[in-house]
Amino acid sequence: MTKVAVFGAGSWGTAFAVVLANAGNQVSLWARREALCSEINSAHENPDYLPGLRLPDAITATHDPAAVADGAEAVVLAVPSQSLRENLVDWAGVLPNAVPLVSLMKGVELGTTKRMSEVIAELTGAGPERIAVVSGPNLAREIAEGQPAASVVACADEGTAARLQKLCHSPTFRPYTNNDVVGCELGGACKNVIALAVGMAVGLGFGDNARASVITRGLAEIARLGTALGADEHTFSGLAGLGDLVATCSSPLSRNRTFGEKLGQGMSVAEIAGGTRQVAEGVKSCASISELAHHHDVEMPIAEHVTKVVAGEMTPKDMLFSLVSRSAKSERWG
């Protein structure tokens, strides 16, 4: 039985651990809090993030990163994107050499505008043949419950991608392979920002036309940025692009859409963040994505407007009407 290490016991890290266990692997799960490790090991449940769901016996949890990594043939990283760097500083010395490092994170680092694979490469010295990304419509609760889902495993090395595909192919989880790491990462990070905007429209009581308009124009923004950074434009019409965007913008299970909805209802960023353990990645990444777009001279008005709302410089209602009233002379693709 293959041992896989999963660093991060949040909702998606735990759900992916379930996928790996259902695919026949032994999973060692790192959790920040020892109390949560005890709950997972004794009750086979993660009450903080997936309450009421029994975890497979093949999943065990520990707070000791060395124990998690020991003997692992693949390492999965599933912490909040803005904490990856500080965590890797602590973990780099215990991560096994020559095994794949898989990112589940969907964000762009503040300050550096680096994608998560770039942060992993910098902190671990791993080459592109070892660094992979899993992205797609990944609503954690549905996947952990065994509802049918598909996703993308992206790596520059086709052999590594194929190996990881087999590792996480379960009866209910269908992974596809791709070599476009850049496109998959940008699709996953940017869709969170678009989902915040869609959530604001929902919270304000606007209908399907407004939501569909934001989703469609959001996809155009993501594709523009991806193309400028060398991604394959076809990625954005697949699971890691359109698929992930639709799921995140449409589902009440989406943390980013829910966060945006509460913003639209008049709550502040601090009020919303203080009422949940869940991390809405788009709240932090919107600023770094806007900065990344600016560096590459890419127009991303939705991302820029969401950044202003999060910073308290604009209201959600003003944001949406400002987007609609923008000059359309340069917008030729609908």
Protein backbone atom coordinates (compact mmCIF):
# COMPACT_ATOMS: atom_id res chain seq x y z
CA MET A 1 0.00 0.00 0.00
CA THR A 2 1.38 3.42 -1.00
CA LYS A 3 1.77 5.99 1.76
CA VAL A 4 0.80 9.55 0.87
CA ALA A 5 1.45 12.52 3.15
CA VAL A 6 -1.16 15.29 3.24
CA PHE A 7 -0.10 18.51 4.96
CA GLY A 8 -3.25 20.38 5.89
CA ALA A 9 -6.41 19.09 7.56
CA GLY A 10 -8.82 21.76 6.38
CA SER A 11 -11.88 20.85 4.34
CA TRP A 12 -10.11 20.31 1.01
CA GLY A 13 -7.02 18.65 2.48
CA THR A 14 -9.22 16.24 4.42
CA ALA A 15 -11.49 15.60 1.42
CA PHE A 16 -8.49 14.82 -0.77
CA ALA A 17 -7.18 12.49 1.93
CA VAL A 18 -10.52 10.67 1.62
CA VAL A 19 -10.03 10.44 -2.16
CA LEU A 20 -6.54 9.00 -1.68
CA ALA A 21 -7.74 6.50 0.91
CA ASN A 22 -10.63 5.40 -1.30
CA ALA A 23 -8.10 4.91 -4.10
CA GLY A 24 -6.27 2.34 -1.93
CA ASN A 25 -3.55 4.41 -0.28
CA GLN A 26 -2.46 4.81 3.34
CA VAL A 27 -2.78 8.50 4.21
CA SER A 28 -0.91 10.38 6.91
CA LEU A 29 -2.59 13.73 7.58
CA TRP A 30 -0.86 16.68 9.25
CA ALA A 31 -3.06 18.95 11.35
CA ARG A 32 -1.98 22.13 13.09
CA ARG A 33 -3.81 21.34 16.33
CA GLU A 34 -3.15 18.19 18.33
CA ALA A 35 -6.76 18.14 19.56
CA LEU A 36 -7.99 17.80 16.00
CA CYS A 37 -5.52 14.96 15.37
CA SER A 38 -6.97 13.12 18.38
CA GLU A 39 -10.51 13.55 17.05
CA ILE A 40 -9.55 12.22 13.62
CA ASN A 41 -7.74 9.21 15.07
CA SER A 42 -10.29 8.28 17.72
CA ALA A 43 -13.63 9.23 16.14
CA HIS A 44 -12.58 9.06 12.46
CA GLU A 45 -14.12 12.48 11.90
CA ASN A 46 -12.89 16.01 11.25
CA PRO A 47 -15.46 17.94 13.31
CA ASP A 48 -13.98 21.34 12.51
CA TYR A 49 -14.26 21.15 8.72
CA LEU A 50 -16.30 18.08 7.70
CA PRO A 51 -18.58 17.39 10.67
CA GLY A 52 -20.73 14.28 10.55
CA LEU A 53 -18.65 12.56 7.87
CA ARG A 54 -16.84 9.35 8.81
CA LEU A 55 -13.28 9.22 7.49
CA PRO A 56 -11.75 5.98 6.14
CA ASP A 57 -9.66 3.93 8.55
CA ALA A 58 -6.68 4.36 6.20
CA ILE A 59 -6.39 8.01 7.31
CA THR A 60 -4.39 8.79 10.43
CA ALA A 61 -3.47 12.24 11.72
CA THR A 62 -0.52 13.71 13.58
CA HIS A 63 0.92 17.11 14.43
CA ASP A 64 4.47 15.84 13.81
CA PRO A 65 5.56 16.79 10.25
CA ALA A 66 8.45 14.31 10.28
CA ALA A 67 6.10 11.44 11.08
CA VAL A 68 3.72 12.51 8.32
CA ALA A 69 6.49 12.67 5.73
CA ASP A 70 8.35 9.51 6.77
CA GLY A 71 8.10 6.87 4.04
CA ALA A 72 5.71 8.91 1.90
CA GLU A 73 5.85 8.31 -1.85
CA ALA A 74 4.00 11.55 -2.57
CA VAL A 75 3.46 14.74 -0.58
CA VAL A 76 0.28 16.79 -0.86
CA LEU A 77 0.29 20.40 0.34
CA ALA A 78 -3.12 21.74 1.35
CA VAL A 79 -2.61 24.71 3.67
CA PRO A 80 -3.95 28.23 3.04
CA SER A 81 -1.92 29.75 0.23
CA GLN A 82 -0.68 32.74 2.24
CA SER A 83 0.75 30.43 4.92
CA LEU A 84 2.56 28.07 2.54
CA ARG A 85 5.91 29.84 2.69
CA GLU A 86 6.18 29.87 6.48
CA ASN A 87 5.06 26.26 6.70
CA LEU A 88 7.55 25.09 4.08
CA VAL A 89 10.36 26.76 6.01
CA ASP A 90 9.49 24.37 8.86
CA TRP A 91 8.82 21.32 6.68
CA ALA A 92 11.50 21.50 3.99
CA GLY A 93 13.98 19.54 6.09
CA VAL A 94 11.67 16.55 6.56
CA LEU A 95 10.13 16.28 3.10
CA PRO A 96 11.41 13.18 1.28
CA ASN A 97 13.65 13.70 -1.71
CA ALA A 98 12.64 12.78 -5.25
CA VAL A 99 8.92 12.32 -4.56
CA PRO A 100 6.19 14.40 -6.19
CA LEU A 101 5.02 17.53 -4.36
CA VAL A 102 1.36 18.18 -5.09
CA SER A 103 -0.29 21.56 -4.54
CA LEU A 104 -4.00 21.73 -3.74
CA MET A 105 -3.78 25.46 -3.02
CA LYS A 106 -5.56 28.07 -5.10
CA GLY A 107 -3.97 31.43 -4.49
CA VAL A 108 -1.25 33.88 -5.49
CA GLU A 109 1.22 34.94 -2.81
CA LEU A 110 0.95 38.45 -1.44
CA GLY A 111 4.08 40.54 -1.89
CA THR A 112 5.76 38.27 -4.45
CA THR A 113 2.79 37.52 -6.80
CA LYS A 114 4.17 33.98 -7.04
CA ARG A 115 2.01 30.99 -7.83
CA MET A 116 2.09 28.18 -5.29
CA SER A 117 4.24 25.95 -7.50
CA GLU A 118 6.81 28.74 -7.65
CA VAL A 119 6.84 29.05 -3.86
CA ILE A 120 7.28 25.27 -3.56
CA ALA A 121 10.18 25.31 -6.02
CA GLU A 122 11.86 28.18 -4.20
CA LEU A 123 11.61 26.67 -0.71
CA THR A 124 12.30 23.01 -1.55
CA GLY A 125 14.59 23.19 -4.58
CA ALA A 126 12.33 20.72 -6.41
CA GLY A 127 12.34 20.86 -10.19
CA PRO A 128 9.23 21.16 -12.37
CA GLU A 129 9.23 17.39 -12.95
CA ARG A 130 8.36 16.91 -9.25
CA ILE A 131 5.83 19.70 -8.71
CA ALA A 132 2.21 19.06 -9.61
CA VAL A 133 -1.10 20.83 -9.16
CA VAL A 134 -4.59 19.41 -8.62
CA SER A 135 -7.33 21.79 -9.72
CA GLY A 136 -10.91 21.72 -10.91
CA PRO A 137 -14.42 21.87 -9.47
CA ASN A 138 -13.37 20.75 -5.98
CA LEU A 139 -16.18 21.47 -3.54
CA ALA A 140 -14.77 19.57 -0.60
CA ARG A 141 -17.91 18.35 1.10
CA GLU A 142 -19.32 16.78 -2.06
CA ILE A 143 -16.05 15.02 -2.86
CA ALA A 144 -15.61 13.74 0.71
CA GLU A 145 -19.17 12.36 0.60
CA GLY A 146 -18.27 10.37 -2.51
CA GLN A 147 -20.35 12.35 -4.96
CA PRO A 148 -19.05 12.04 -8.56
CA ALA A 149 -16.41 14.60 -9.49
CA ALA A 150 -13.59 15.15 -11.93
CA SER A 151 -10.42 17.19 -11.68
CA VAL A 152 -7.06 17.87 -13.35
CA VAL A 153 -3.58 16.75 -12.30
CA ALA A 154 -1.11 19.10 -13.95
CA CYS A 155 2.66 18.64 -14.09
CA ALA A 156 5.35 19.56 -16.59
CA ASP A 157 6.42 15.91 -16.56
CA GLU A 158 3.83 13.64 -18.16
CA GLY A 159 5.11 10.60 -16.27
CA THR A 160 4.64 12.29 -12.91
CA ALA A 161 1.17 13.46 -13.87
CA ALA A 162 0.18 9.94 -14.94
CA ARG A 163 1.55 8.44 -11.71
CA LEU A 164 -0.41 10.90 -9.60
CA GLN A 165 -3.50 10.33 -11.69
CA LYS A 166 -3.43 6.64 -10.75
CA LEU A 167 -2.75 7.50 -7.13
CA CYS A 168 -5.95 9.53 -6.73
CA HIS A 169 -8.31 7.78 -9.16
CA SER A 170 -11.11 6.46 -6.98
CA PRO A 171 -14.53 5.03 -7.88
CA THR A 172 -16.03 8.52 -7.57
CA PHE A 173 -13.11 10.84 -8.41
CA ARG A 174 -11.87 11.02 -12.02
CA PRO A 175 -8.56 12.87 -12.54
CA TYR A 176 -7.39 13.97 -15.98
CA THR A 177 -3.78 14.91 -16.78
CA ASN A 178 -2.44 18.16 -18.18
CA ASN A 179 1.00 19.73 -18.53
CA ASP A 180 -0.24 23.32 -18.16
CA VAL A 181 0.67 24.07 -14.55
CA VAL A 182 0.47 27.83 -15.09
CA GLY A 183 -3.04 27.70 -16.54
CA CYS A 184 -4.38 25.35 -13.89
CA GLU A 185 -2.97 27.43 -11.06
CA LEU A 186 -4.24 30.73 -12.43
CA GLY A 187 -7.66 29.27 -13.13
CA GLY A 188 -7.90 28.02 -9.55
CA ALA A 189 -6.70 31.24 -7.96
CA CYS A 190 -8.60 33.73 -10.11
CA LYS A 191 -11.95 31.97 -9.95
CA ASN A 192 -12.07 32.66 -6.21
CA VAL A 193 -11.98 36.38 -6.92
CA ILE A 194 -14.73 36.11 -9.52
CA ALA A 195 -16.80 34.08 -7.04
CA LEU A 196 -16.54 36.92 -4.53
CA ALA A 197 -18.03 39.27 -7.14
CA VAL A 198 -20.81 36.80 -7.97
CA GLY A 199 -21.55 36.39 -4.28
CA MET A 200 -21.87 40.15 -3.90
CA ALA A 201 -24.41 40.20 -6.72
CA VAL A 202 -26.37 37.46 -4.96
CA GLY A 203 -26.18 39.27 -1.63
CA LEU A 204 -27.50 42.44 -3.24
CA GLY A 205 -30.47 40.54 -4.62
CA PHE A 206 -29.50 40.73 -8.29
CA GLY A 207 -30.64 37.95 -10.61
CA ASP A 208 -29.22 35.43 -13.02
CA ASN A 209 -28.31 37.96 -15.70
CA ALA A 210 -25.93 39.75 -13.37
CA ARG A 211 -24.40 36.49 -12.15
CA ALA A 212 -23.96 35.07 -15.63
CA SER A 213 -22.41 38.32 -16.82
CA VAL A 214 -19.83 38.33 -14.03
CA ILE A 215 -18.98 34.65 -14.57
CA THR A 216 -18.56 35.08 -18.33
CA ARG A 217 -16.51 38.26 -18.13
CA GLY A 218 -14.54 36.73 -15.27
CA LEU A 219 -13.56 33.82 -17.49
CA ALA A 220 -12.35 36.31 -20.10
CA GLU A 221 -10.18 38.02 -17.48
CA ILE A 222 -8.68 34.73 -16.32
CA ALA A 223 -7.90 33.69 -19.90
CA ARG A 224 -6.24 37.04 -20.64
CA LEU A 225 -3.94 36.76 -17.66
CA GLY A 226 -3.17 33.12 -18.36
CA THR A 227 -2.31 33.78 -21.99
CA ALA A 228 0.00 36.62 -20.97
CA LEU A 229 1.84 34.27 -18.60
CA GLY A 230 2.24 31.51 -21.18
CA ALA A 231 -0.68 29.24 -20.29
CA ASP A 232 -2.55 27.13 -22.84
CA GLU A 233 -5.79 28.97 -23.66
CA HIS A 234 -7.61 25.63 -23.94
CA THR A 235 -7.08 25.00 -20.22
CA PHE A 236 -9.61 27.71 -19.41
CA SER A 237 -12.42 25.94 -21.24
CA GLY A 238 -11.84 22.74 -19.25
CA LEU A 239 -12.24 21.48 -15.69
CA ALA A 240 -9.49 23.67 -14.24
CA GLY A 241 -10.97 26.75 -15.90
CA LEU A 242 -14.67 26.93 -16.68
CA GLY A 243 -15.52 23.88 -14.56
CA ASP A 244 -13.93 25.27 -11.42
CA LEU A 245 -15.33 28.74 -12.08
CA VAL A 246 -18.92 27.54 -12.48
CA ALA A 247 -18.82 25.36 -9.36
CA THR A 248 -17.28 28.05 -7.18
CA CYS A 249 -19.56 30.81 -8.41
CA SER A 250 -22.75 28.74 -8.28
CA SER A 251 -22.63 26.64 -5.13
CA PRO A 252 -23.61 27.74 -1.61
CA LEU A 253 -20.85 25.34 -0.48
CA SER A 254 -18.29 27.72 -1.99
CA ARG A 255 -16.46 29.70 0.68
CA ASN A 256 -15.68 32.57 -1.68
CA ARG A 257 -19.19 32.91 -3.07
CA THR A 258 -20.61 32.78 0.48
CA PHE A 259 -18.10 35.40 1.65
CA GLY A 260 -19.08 37.66 -1.27
CA GLU A 261 -22.77 37.14 -0.53
CA LYS A 262 -22.27 38.37 3.02
CA LEU A 263 -20.35 41.38 1.72
CA GLY A 264 -23.30 42.15 -0.53
CA GLN A 265 -25.60 41.94 2.49
CA GLY A 266 -23.59 44.65 4.23
CA MET A 267 -21.22 42.74 6.50
CA SER A 268 -17.57 43.81 6.71
CA VAL A 269 -14.56 41.67 5.82
CA ALA A 270 -13.55 41.50 9.48
CA GLU A 271 -17.03 40.45 10.61
CA ILE A 272 -17.24 37.64 8.06
CA ALA A 273 -13.71 36.36 8.64
CA GLY A 274 -14.23 36.37 12.40
CA GLY A 275 -17.24 34.10 12.16
CA THR A 276 -15.64 31.11 10.43
CA ARG A 277 -12.63 28.78 10.49
CA GLN A 278 -12.77 28.53 6.70
CA VAL A 279 -10.40 30.59 4.55
CA ALA A 280 -11.83 32.37 1.51
CA GLU A 281 -8.65 32.48 -0.58
CA GLY A 282 -9.94 35.18 -2.92
CA VAL A 283 -10.07 37.75 -0.11
CA LYS A 284 -6.28 37.71 0.19
CA SER A 285 -5.37 36.77 -3.38
CA CYS A 286 -7.43 39.50 -5.09
CA ALA A 287 -4.74 42.10 -4.37
CA SER A 288 -1.86 39.90 -5.55
CA ILE A 289 -3.76 38.84 -8.69
CA SER A 290 -4.49 42.49 -9.51
CA GLU A 291 -0.81 43.29 -8.98
CA LEU A 292 0.25 40.36 -11.17
CA ALA A 293 -2.10 41.55 -13.92
CA HIS A 294 -0.70 45.07 -13.66
CA HIS A 295 2.87 43.77 -13.98
CA HIS A 296 1.92 42.07 -17.24
CA ASP A 297 -0.25 44.92 -18.54
CA VAL A 298 -3.39 42.75 -18.44
CA GLU A 299 -6.79 44.35 -17.90
CA MET A 300 -8.73 42.64 -15.09
CA PRO A 301 -11.46 45.06 -14.01
CA ILE A 302 -13.42 42.55 -11.92
CA ALA A 303 -10.34 41.60 -9.92
CA GLU A 304 -9.43 45.27 -9.48
CA HIS A 305 -12.93 46.19 -8.29
CA VAL A 306 -13.12 43.24 -5.86
CA THR A 307 -9.78 44.34 -4.44
CA LYS A 308 -11.23 47.79 -3.76
CA VAL A 309 -14.28 46.33 -2.02
CA VAL A 310 -12.11 44.10 0.19
CA ALA A 311 -9.94 47.12 1.04
CA GLY A 312 -13.03 49.15 2.00
CA GLU A 313 -12.56 51.58 -0.86
CA MET A 314 -15.82 50.73 -2.66
CA THR A 315 -19.19 49.22 -1.80
CA PRO A 316 -20.37 46.02 -3.50
CA LYS A 317 -23.23 47.89 -5.18
CA ASP A 318 -20.92 50.60 -6.51
CA MET A 319 -18.54 47.88 -7.71
CA LEU A 320 -21.15 46.10 -9.82
CA PHE A 321 -22.60 49.24 -11.36
CA SER A 322 -19.10 50.57 -12.03
CA LEU A 323 -18.27 47.39 -13.94
CA VAL A 324 -21.43 47.66 -16.07
CA SER A 325 -20.91 51.35 -16.83
CA ARG A 326 -17.30 50.96 -18.03
CA SER A 327 -16.53 51.95 -21.58
CA ALA A 328 -17.05 48.99 -23.93
CA LYS A 329 -14.86 50.21 -26.76
CA SER A 330 -12.06 47.75 -26.04
CA GLU A 331 -14.31 44.82 -25.06
CA ARG A 332 -14.82 42.87 -28.27
CA TRP A 333 -15.08 39.29 -27.08
CA GLY A 334 -18.32 38.41 -25.32
